[in-house]
Amino acid sequence: KAFVLVFIGTVIQDLTIHGSH
């Protein structure tokens, strides 16, 4: 399940980065 958590974390960071810009 760790893989899923890492994947979700990466997606959230990606959305946050694009959201900031």
PDB file of N, CA and C in Angstrom:
ATOM      1  N   LYS A   1       0.833  -1.213   0.000  1.00  0.00           N
ATOM      2  CA  LYS A   1       0.000   0.000   0.000  1.00  0.00           C
ATOM      3  C   LYS A   1       0.871   1.267   0.000  1.00  0.00           C
ATOM      4  N   ALA A   2       2.126   1.107   0.376  1.00  0.00           N
ATOM      5  CA  ALA A   2       3.021   2.275   0.452  1.00  0.00           C
ATOM      6  C   ALA A   2       3.118   2.940  -0.924  1.00  0.00           C
ATOM      7  N   PHE A   3       3.127   2.114  -1.975  1.00  0.00           N
ATOM      8  CA  PHE A   3       3.244   2.657  -3.336  1.00  0.00           C
ATOM      9  C   PHE A   3       2.094   3.625  -3.621  1.00  0.00           C
ATOM     10  N   VAL A   4       0.890   3.248  -3.196  1.00  0.00           N
ATOM     11  CA  VAL A   4      -0.285   4.095  -3.430  1.00  0.00           C
ATOM     12  C   VAL A   4      -0.127   5.438  -2.722  1.00  0.00           C
ATOM     13  N   LEU A   5       0.352   5.394  -1.479  1.00  0.00           N
ATOM     14  CA  LEU A   5       0.526   6.642  -0.719  1.00  0.00           C
ATOM     15  C   LEU A   5       1.538   7.545  -1.405  1.00  0.00           C
ATOM     16  N   VAL A   6       2.623   6.962  -1.895  1.00  0.00           N
ATOM     17  CA  VAL A   6       3.659   7.747  -2.588  1.00  0.00           C
ATOM     18  C   VAL A   6       3.086   8.337  -3.870  1.00  0.00           C
ATOM     19  N   PHE A   7       2.321   7.527  -4.593  1.00  0.00           N
ATOM     20  CA  PHE A   7       1.728   7.988  -5.849  1.00  0.00           C
ATOM     21  C   PHE A   7       0.790   9.165  -5.591  1.00  0.00           C
ATOM     22  N   ILE A   8      -0.079   9.021  -4.584  1.00  0.00           N
ATOM     23  CA  ILE A   8      -1.018  10.096  -4.241  1.00  0.00           C
ATOM     24  C   ILE A   8      -0.252  11.343  -3.822  1.00  0.00           C
ATOM     25  N   GLY A   9       0.793  11.178  -3.034  1.00  0.00           N
ATOM     26  CA  GLY A   9       1.584  12.322  -2.573  1.00  0.00           C
ATOM     27  C   GLY A   9       2.203  13.059  -3.743  1.00  0.00           C
ATOM     28  N   THR A  10       2.689  12.291  -4.723  1.00  0.00           N
ATOM     29  CA  THR A  10       3.298  12.903  -5.911  1.00  0.00           C
ATOM     30  C   THR A  10       2.259  13.688  -6.702  1.00  0.00           C
ATOM     31  N   VAL A  11       1.059  13.111  -6.842  1.00  0.00           N
ATOM     32  CA  VAL A  11      -0.018  13.770  -7.589  1.00  0.00           C
ATOM     33  C   VAL A  11      -0.416  15.070  -6.892  1.00  0.00           C
ATOM     34  N   ILE A  12      -0.535  15.019  -5.559  1.00  0.00           N
ATOM     35  CA  ILE A  12      -0.921  16.216  -4.800  1.00  0.00           C
ATOM     36  C   ILE A  12       0.123  17.307  -4.981  1.00  0.00           C
ATOM     37  N   GLN A  13       1.398  16.930  -4.901  1.00  0.00           N
ATOM     38  CA  GLN A  13       2.470  17.922  -5.071  1.00  0.00           C
ATOM     39  C   GLN A  13       2.418  18.510  -6.475  1.00  0.00           C
ATOM     40  N   ASP A  14       2.160  17.650  -7.472  1.00  0.00           N
ATOM     41  CA  ASP A  14       2.096  18.117  -8.853  1.00  0.00           C
ATOM     42  C   ASP A  14       0.957  19.120  -9.008  1.00  0.00           C
ATOM     43  N   LEU A  15      -0.198  18.795  -8.428  1.00  0.00           N
ATOM     44  CA  LEU A  15      -1.348  19.702  -8.521  1.00  0.00           C
ATOM     45  C   LEU A  15      -1.049  21.009  -7.799  1.00  0.00           C
ATOM     46  N   THR A  16      -0.367  20.916  -6.658  1.00  0.00           N
ATOM     47  CA  THR A  16      -0.040  22.116  -5.876  1.00  0.00           C
ATOM     48  C   THR A  16       0.921  23.011  -6.650  1.00  0.00           C
ATOM     49  N   ILE A  17       1.921  22.396  -7.289  1.00  0.00           N
ATOM     50  CA  ILE A  17       2.908  23.168  -8.056  1.00  0.00           C
ATOM     51  C   ILE A  17       2.225  23.885  -9.220  1.00  0.00           C
ATOM     52  N   HIS A  18       1.391  23.161  -9.951  1.00  0.00           N
ATOM     53  CA  HIS A  18       0.682  23.770 -11.083  1.00  0.00           C
ATOM     54  C   HIS A  18      -0.310  24.807 -10.583  1.00  0.00           C
ATOM     55  N   GLY A  19      -0.893  24.556  -9.406  1.00  0.00           N
ATOM     56  CA  GLY A  19      -1.858  25.498  -8.851  1.00  0.00           C
ATOM     57  C   GLY A  19      -1.187  26.810  -8.472  1.00  0.00           C
ATOM     58  N   SER A  20       0.048  26.714  -7.943  1.00  0.00           N
ATOM     59  CA  SER A  20       0.778  27.918  -7.535  1.00  0.00           C
ATOM     60  C   SER A  20       1.078  28.785  -8.752  1.00  0.00           C
ATOM     61  N   HIS A  21       1.476  28.142  -9.839  1.00  0.00           N
ATOM     62  CA  HIS A  21       1.803  28.881 -11.052  1.00  0.00           C
ATOM     63  C   HIS A  21       0.544  29.053 -11.896  1.00  0.00           C
TER      64      HIS A  21
END
